[in-house]
């Protein structure tokens, strides 16, 4: 005699939603992210236990899904939206855009950059608030005189714009040059630092 099949338990969708909410509250992801509203547009901020790992303009990098997919591929699939974890980033950005912050105090996780790019970004971080430097200046400051084109490439892949102020790097003739978020954003950031009314 064949035993009767066991009944299949019915799951209430509300139970599944509650379980997902409990998991999200208790999860310890490798990467936490939030979408931050700024005067330069919406920015996806992401951090690891080591520090801020990514700031990306939502409309410049293929949208939120593309940004998160890149973080998943390059860092970890354990990624979760946790806005409270990005509160220090949001606060310092708010102070910067209000003209009350001239330097950031956020720890940076350099996992997304090569050693050469890190040297370029370190040299870029030394450009004073409200000042500019050329690509050649930055390359020389990173120990690679004559490497202005490579410096431009490294700056174009800066994972934490604004905090590492690649907007302060201009062409040798004084032209603004490119920027990961577009020239209008570069002008906005430089204007804030020069006290230009918005």
C-alpha atoms as a PDB file:
ATOM      1  CA  UNK A   1       0.000   0.000   0.000  1.00  0.00           C
ATOM      2  CA  UNK A   2       1.359   3.374  -1.023  1.00  0.00           C
ATOM      3  CA  UNK A   3       1.427   5.962   1.743  1.00  0.00           C
ATOM      4  CA  UNK A   4      -0.721   9.036   1.191  1.00  0.00           C
ATOM      5  CA  UNK A   5       1.270  12.057   0.033  1.00  0.00           C
ATOM      6  CA  UNK A   6       2.057  14.591   2.709  1.00  0.00           C
ATOM      7  CA  UNK A   7       0.081  17.801   2.421  1.00  0.00           C
ATOM      8  CA  UNK A   8       1.982  20.700   0.866  1.00  0.00           C
ATOM      9  CA  UNK A   9       2.087  23.544   3.359  1.00  0.00           C
ATOM     10  CA  UNK A  10       0.464  26.709   2.116  1.00  0.00           C
ATOM     11  CA  UNK A  11       2.558  29.833   2.561  1.00  0.00           C
ATOM     12  CA  UNK A  12       0.834  33.095   3.286  1.00  0.00           C
ATOM     13  CA  UNK A  13       2.470  35.832   1.139  1.00  0.00           C
ATOM     14  CA  UNK A  14       2.421  38.071   4.201  1.00  0.00           C
ATOM     15  CA  UNK A  15       4.600  35.537   6.031  1.00  0.00           C
ATOM     16  CA  UNK A  16       7.083  35.562   3.147  1.00  0.00           C
ATOM     17  CA  UNK A  17       7.190  39.368   3.131  1.00  0.00           C
ATOM     18  CA  UNK A  18       7.691  39.437   6.898  1.00  0.00           C
ATOM     19  CA  UNK A  19      10.483  36.853   6.625  1.00  0.00           C
ATOM     20  CA  UNK A  20      12.176  38.914   3.895  1.00  0.00           C
ATOM     21  CA  UNK A  21      11.925  42.035   6.057  1.00  0.00           C
ATOM     22  CA  UNK A  22      13.420  40.180   9.051  1.00  0.00           C
ATOM     23  CA  UNK A  23      16.268  38.925   6.852  1.00  0.00           C
ATOM     24  CA  UNK A  24      16.968  42.412   5.509  1.00  0.00           C
ATOM     25  CA  UNK A  25      17.026  43.846   9.026  1.00  0.00           C
ATOM     26  CA  UNK A  26      19.371  41.141  10.339  1.00  0.00           C
ATOM     27  CA  UNK A  27      21.530  40.654   7.235  1.00  0.00           C
ATOM     28  CA  UNK A  28      25.151  41.645   7.266  1.00  0.00           C
ATOM     29  CA  UNK A  29      25.854  42.436   3.613  1.00  0.00           C
ATOM     30  CA  UNK A  30      29.322  43.014   2.220  1.00  0.00           C
ATOM     31  CA  UNK A  31      28.106  46.143   0.418  1.00  0.00           C
ATOM     32  CA  UNK A  32      25.459  48.566   1.645  1.00  0.00           C
ATOM     33  CA  UNK A  33      23.982  51.206  -0.622  1.00  0.00           C
ATOM     34  CA  UNK A  34      21.582  54.109  -0.701  1.00  0.00           C
ATOM     35  CA  UNK A  35      20.289  56.535  -3.291  1.00  0.00           C
ATOM     36  CA  UNK A  36      21.147  60.070  -2.240  1.00  0.00           C
ATOM     37  CA  UNK A  37      19.441  63.227  -3.472  1.00  0.00           C
ATOM     38  CA  UNK A  38      21.883  66.077  -4.118  1.00  0.00           C
ATOM     39  CA  UNK A  39      21.861  69.383  -6.026  1.00  0.00           C
ATOM     40  CA  UNK A  40      23.918  67.545  -8.683  1.00  0.00           C
ATOM     41  CA  UNK A  41      21.229  64.886  -9.096  1.00  0.00           C
ATOM     42  CA  UNK A  42      20.583  61.495  -7.556  1.00  0.00           C
ATOM     43  CA  UNK A  43      23.732  59.605  -6.595  1.00  0.00           C
ATOM     44  CA  UNK A  44      24.115  55.944  -5.720  1.00  0.00           C
ATOM     45  CA  UNK A  45      26.384  55.660  -2.691  1.00  0.00           C
ATOM     46  CA  UNK A  46      27.850  52.313  -1.633  1.00  0.00           C
ATOM     47  CA  UNK A  47      30.057  51.350   1.278  1.00  0.00           C
ATOM     48  CA  UNK A  48      31.799  48.290   2.655  1.00  0.00           C
ATOM     49  CA  UNK A  49      33.133  47.679   6.150  1.00  0.00           C
ATOM     50  CA  UNK A  50      36.324  49.446   5.012  1.00  0.00           C
ATOM     51  CA  UNK A  51      34.597  52.615   3.834  1.00  0.00           C
ATOM     52  CA  UNK A  52      32.961  54.406   0.922  1.00  0.00           C
ATOM     53  CA  UNK A  53      33.544  52.357  -2.211  1.00  0.00           C
ATOM     54  CA  UNK A  54      31.304  54.019  -4.816  1.00  0.00           C
ATOM     55  CA  UNK A  55      29.498  57.237  -5.650  1.00  0.00           C
ATOM     56  CA  UNK A  56      27.838  57.118  -9.047  1.00  0.00           C
ATOM     57  CA  UNK A  57      25.558  59.592 -10.767  1.00  0.00           C
ATOM     58  CA  UNK A  58      22.367  57.645 -11.336  1.00  0.00           C
ATOM     59  CA  UNK A  59      21.772  58.994 -14.844  1.00  0.00           C
ATOM     60  CA  UNK A  60      25.366  58.741 -16.048  1.00  0.00           C
ATOM     61  CA  UNK A  61      26.182  55.103 -15.357  1.00  0.00           C
ATOM     62  CA  UNK A  62      23.318  53.194 -16.932  1.00  0.00           C
ATOM     63  CA  UNK A  63      20.990  53.632 -13.986  1.00  0.00           C
ATOM     64  CA  UNK A  64      20.791  52.075 -10.553  1.00  0.00           C
ATOM     65  CA  UNK A  65      20.502  48.489 -11.816  1.00  0.00           C
ATOM     66  CA  UNK A  66      23.683  48.766 -13.890  1.00  0.00           C
ATOM     67  CA  UNK A  67      25.575  50.362 -10.996  1.00  0.00           C
ATOM     68  CA  UNK A  68      24.480  47.634  -8.576  1.00  0.00           C
ATOM     69  CA  UNK A  69      25.270  44.915 -11.096  1.00  0.00           C
ATOM     70  CA  UNK A  70      28.820  46.234 -11.430  1.00  0.00           C
ATOM     71  CA  UNK A  71      29.225  46.294  -7.648  1.00  0.00           C
ATOM     72  CA  UNK A  72      27.882  42.745  -7.450  1.00  0.00           C
ATOM     73  CA  UNK A  73      30.315  41.527 -10.112  1.00  0.00           C
ATOM     74  CA  UNK A  74      33.379  43.359  -8.818  1.00  0.00           C
ATOM     75  CA  UNK A  75      32.853  43.237  -5.054  1.00  0.00           C
ATOM     76  CA  UNK A  76      30.210  40.818  -3.786  1.00  0.00           C
ATOM     77  CA  UNK A  77      26.698  39.545  -4.493  1.00  0.00           C
ATOM     78  CA  UNK A  78      25.908  40.258  -0.829  1.00  0.00           C
ATOM     79  CA  UNK A  79      24.623  43.779  -1.459  1.00  0.00           C
ATOM     80  CA  UNK A  80      21.692  45.365   0.317  1.00  0.00           C
ATOM     81  CA  UNK A  81      19.999  48.758   0.377  1.00  0.00           C
ATOM     82  CA  UNK A  82      20.591  50.192   3.859  1.00  0.00           C
ATOM     83  CA  UNK A  83      20.263  53.988   3.762  1.00  0.00           C
ATOM     84  CA  UNK A  84      21.184  54.411   7.444  1.00  0.00           C
ATOM     85  CA  UNK A  85      24.619  52.926   6.733  1.00  0.00           C
ATOM     86  CA  UNK A  86      25.233  55.792   4.277  1.00  0.00           C
ATOM     87  CA  UNK A  87      24.066  58.542   6.651  1.00  0.00           C
ATOM     88  CA  UNK A  88      27.621  59.880   7.223  1.00  0.00           C
ATOM     89  CA  UNK A  89      28.112  60.117   3.442  1.00  0.00           C
ATOM     90  CA  UNK A  90      24.770  61.853   2.959  1.00  0.00           C
ATOM     91  CA  UNK A  91      25.554  64.311   5.766  1.00  0.00           C
ATOM     92  CA  UNK A  92      29.002  65.239   4.427  1.00  0.00           C
ATOM     93  CA  UNK A  93      27.659  65.652   0.885  1.00  0.00           C
ATOM     94  CA  UNK A  94      24.869  67.886   2.187  1.00  0.00           C
ATOM     95  CA  UNK A  95      27.436  70.029   4.025  1.00  0.00           C
ATOM     96  CA  UNK A  96      29.609  70.201   0.904  1.00  0.00           C
ATOM     97  CA  UNK A  97      26.752  71.320  -1.349  1.00  0.00           C
ATOM     98  CA  UNK A  98      25.725  73.905   1.253  1.00  0.00           C
ATOM     99  CA  UNK A  99      29.267  75.346   1.178  1.00  0.00           C
ATOM    100  CA  UNK A 100      29.991  74.323   4.778  1.00  0.00           C
ATOM    101  CA  UNK A 101      32.491  71.519   4.046  1.00  0.00           C
ATOM    102  CA  UNK A 102      35.781  71.932   2.201  1.00  0.00           C
ATOM    103  CA  UNK A 103      37.202  68.437   2.804  1.00  0.00           C
ATOM    104  CA  UNK A 104      35.679  65.017   3.368  1.00  0.00           C
ATOM    105  CA  UNK A 105      36.451  62.866   6.405  1.00  0.00           C
ATOM    106  CA  UNK A 106      35.066  59.609   5.021  1.00  0.00           C
ATOM    107  CA  UNK A 107      37.150  56.421   4.986  1.00  0.00           C
ATOM    108  CA  UNK A 108      37.590  55.117   1.427  1.00  0.00           C
ATOM    109  CA  UNK A 109      37.638  51.504   0.286  1.00  0.00           C
ATOM    110  CA  UNK A 110      39.981  51.407  -2.733  1.00  0.00           C
ATOM    111  CA  UNK A 111      38.868  47.949  -3.916  1.00  0.00           C
ATOM    112  CA  UNK A 112      37.708  49.250  -7.312  1.00  0.00           C
ATOM    113  CA  UNK A 113      40.958  50.971  -8.346  1.00  0.00           C
ATOM    114  CA  UNK A 114      44.339  49.838  -9.611  1.00  0.00           C
ATOM    115  CA  UNK A 115      47.539  50.867  -7.807  1.00  0.00           C
ATOM    116  CA  UNK A 116      48.292  53.447 -10.536  1.00  0.00           C
ATOM    117  CA  UNK A 117      44.784  54.908 -10.339  1.00  0.00           C
ATOM    118  CA  UNK A 118      45.086  55.089  -6.572  1.00  0.00           C
ATOM    119  CA  UNK A 119      48.263  57.182  -6.904  1.00  0.00           C
ATOM    120  CA  UNK A 120      46.473  59.494  -9.351  1.00  0.00           C
ATOM    121  CA  UNK A 121      43.457  59.805  -7.072  1.00  0.00           C
ATOM    122  CA  UNK A 122      45.682  60.465  -4.047  1.00  0.00           C
ATOM    123  CA  UNK A 123      47.356  63.304  -5.958  1.00  0.00           C
ATOM    124  CA  UNK A 124      43.920  64.600  -6.961  1.00  0.00           C
ATOM    125  CA  UNK A 125      42.771  64.563  -3.342  1.00  0.00           C
ATOM    126  CA  UNK A 126      45.589  67.005  -2.515  1.00  0.00           C
ATOM    127  CA  UNK A 127      44.200  69.726  -4.835  1.00  0.00           C
ATOM    128  CA  UNK A 128      42.908  72.419  -2.456  1.00  0.00           C
ATOM    129  CA  UNK A 129      39.229  73.284  -2.260  1.00  0.00           C
ATOM    130  CA  UNK A 130      38.408  75.984  -4.803  1.00  0.00           C
ATOM    131  CA  UNK A 131      41.610  75.421  -6.815  1.00  0.00           C
ATOM    132  CA  UNK A 132      42.278  73.486 -10.008  1.00  0.00           C
ATOM    133  CA  UNK A 133      45.222  71.551 -11.399  1.00  0.00           C
ATOM    134  CA  UNK A 134      45.976  70.159 -14.849  1.00  0.00           C
ATOM    135  CA  UNK A 135      46.070  66.520 -15.834  1.00  0.00           C
ATOM    136  CA  UNK A 136      49.840  66.922 -16.186  1.00  0.00           C
ATOM    137  CA  UNK A 137      50.105  68.353 -12.661  1.00  0.00           C
ATOM    138  CA  UNK A 138      48.204  65.382 -11.257  1.00  0.00           C
ATOM    139  CA  UNK A 139      50.315  62.886 -13.197  1.00  0.00           C
ATOM    140  CA  UNK A 140      53.508  64.541 -11.939  1.00  0.00           C
ATOM    141  CA  UNK A 141      52.141  64.565  -8.383  1.00  0.00           C
ATOM    142  CA  UNK A 142      51.558  60.830  -8.703  1.00  0.00           C
ATOM    143  CA  UNK A 143      55.148  60.242  -9.827  1.00  0.00           C
ATOM    144  CA  UNK A 144      54.355  59.862 -13.535  1.00  0.00           C
ATOM    145  CA  UNK A 145      55.421  63.064 -15.303  1.00  0.00           C
ATOM    146  CA  UNK A 146      54.307  62.959 -18.894  1.00  0.00           C
ATOM    147  CA  UNK A 147      51.444  60.620 -18.004  1.00  0.00           C
ATOM    148  CA  UNK A 148      48.615  63.113 -18.409  1.00  0.00           C
ATOM    149  CA  UNK A 149      46.611  60.858 -20.749  1.00  0.00           C
ATOM    150  CA  UNK A 150      46.859  57.934 -18.309  1.00  0.00           C
ATOM    151  CA  UNK A 151      45.907  60.314 -15.510  1.00  0.00           C
ATOM    152  CA  UNK A 152      42.812  61.331 -17.477  1.00  0.00           C
ATOM    153  CA  UNK A 153      41.826  57.685 -17.885  1.00  0.00           C
ATOM    154  CA  UNK A 154      42.289  57.046 -14.165  1.00  0.00           C
ATOM    155  CA  UNK A 155      40.236  60.108 -13.281  1.00  0.00           C
ATOM    156  CA  UNK A 156      37.509  58.998 -15.680  1.00  0.00           C
ATOM    157  CA  UNK A 157      37.128  55.826 -13.626  1.00  0.00           C
ATOM    158  CA  UNK A 158      37.228  57.577 -10.239  1.00  0.00           C
ATOM    159  CA  UNK A 159      34.835  55.467  -8.129  1.00  0.00           C
ATOM    160  CA  UNK A 160      34.100  58.254  -5.642  1.00  0.00           C
ATOM    161  CA  UNK A 161      33.726  61.567  -7.497  1.00  0.00           C
ATOM    162  CA  UNK A 162      33.149  64.687  -5.421  1.00  0.00           C
ATOM    163  CA  UNK A 163      34.849  63.072  -2.400  1.00  0.00           C
ATOM    164  CA  UNK A 164      37.978  62.557  -4.527  1.00  0.00           C
ATOM    165  CA  UNK A 165      37.661  65.862  -6.408  1.00  0.00           C
ATOM    166  CA  UNK A 166      38.393  64.919 -10.008  1.00  0.00           C
ATOM    167  CA  UNK A 167      36.208  67.910 -10.966  1.00  0.00           C
ATOM    168  CA  UNK A 168      39.185  70.089  -9.959  1.00  0.00           C
ATOM    169  CA  UNK A 169      41.329  68.709 -12.792  1.00  0.00           C
ATOM    170  CA  UNK A 170      41.318  70.738 -16.026  1.00  0.00           C
ATOM    171  CA  UNK A 171      43.166  70.774 -19.340  1.00  0.00           C
ATOM    172  CA  UNK A 172      46.490  72.550 -19.611  1.00  0.00           C
ATOM    173  CA  UNK A 173      44.986  75.377 -21.702  1.00  0.00           C
ATOM    174  CA  UNK A 174      42.416  76.105 -19.003  1.00  0.00           C
ATOM    175  CA  UNK A 175      39.475  74.323 -20.673  1.00  0.00           C
ATOM    176  CA  UNK A 176      37.399  72.270 -18.261  1.00  0.00           C
ATOM    177  CA  UNK A 177      37.921  68.917 -19.942  1.00  0.00           C
ATOM    178  CA  UNK A 178      35.662  65.944 -19.334  1.00  0.00           C
ATOM    179  CA  UNK A 179      33.946  64.736 -16.205  1.00  0.00           C
ATOM    180  CA  UNK A 180      32.279  61.467 -15.294  1.00  0.00           C
ATOM    181  CA  UNK A 181      28.986  63.233 -14.557  1.00  0.00           C
ATOM    182  CA  UNK A 182      29.117  65.639 -17.484  1.00  0.00           C
ATOM    183  CA  UNK A 183      30.579  69.117 -17.896  1.00  0.00           C
ATOM    184  CA  UNK A 184      27.503  70.852 -16.404  1.00  0.00           C
ATOM    185  CA  UNK A 185      28.083  69.003 -13.126  1.00  0.00           C
ATOM    186  CA  UNK A 186      31.782  69.881 -13.214  1.00  0.00           C
ATOM    187  CA  UNK A 187      30.832  73.543 -13.595  1.00  0.00           C
ATOM    188  CA  UNK A 188      28.339  73.220 -10.731  1.00  0.00           C
ATOM    189  CA  UNK A 189      30.926  71.718  -8.365  1.00  0.00           C
ATOM    190  CA  UNK A 190      33.604  74.268  -9.242  1.00  0.00           C
ATOM    191  CA  UNK A 191      31.032  77.038  -8.845  1.00  0.00           C
ATOM    192  CA  UNK A 192      30.112  75.830  -5.359  1.00  0.00           C
ATOM    193  CA  UNK A 193      33.783  75.850  -4.381  1.00  0.00           C
ATOM    194  CA  UNK A 194      34.266  79.358  -5.761  1.00  0.00           C
ATOM    195  CA  UNK A 195      31.193  80.691  -3.989  1.00  0.00           C
ATOM    196  CA  UNK A 196      29.226  81.276  -7.185  1.00  0.00           C
ATOM    197  CA  UNK A 197      25.535  81.740  -6.260  1.00  0.00           C
ATOM    198  CA  UNK A 198      23.252  78.994  -7.580  1.00  0.00           C
END
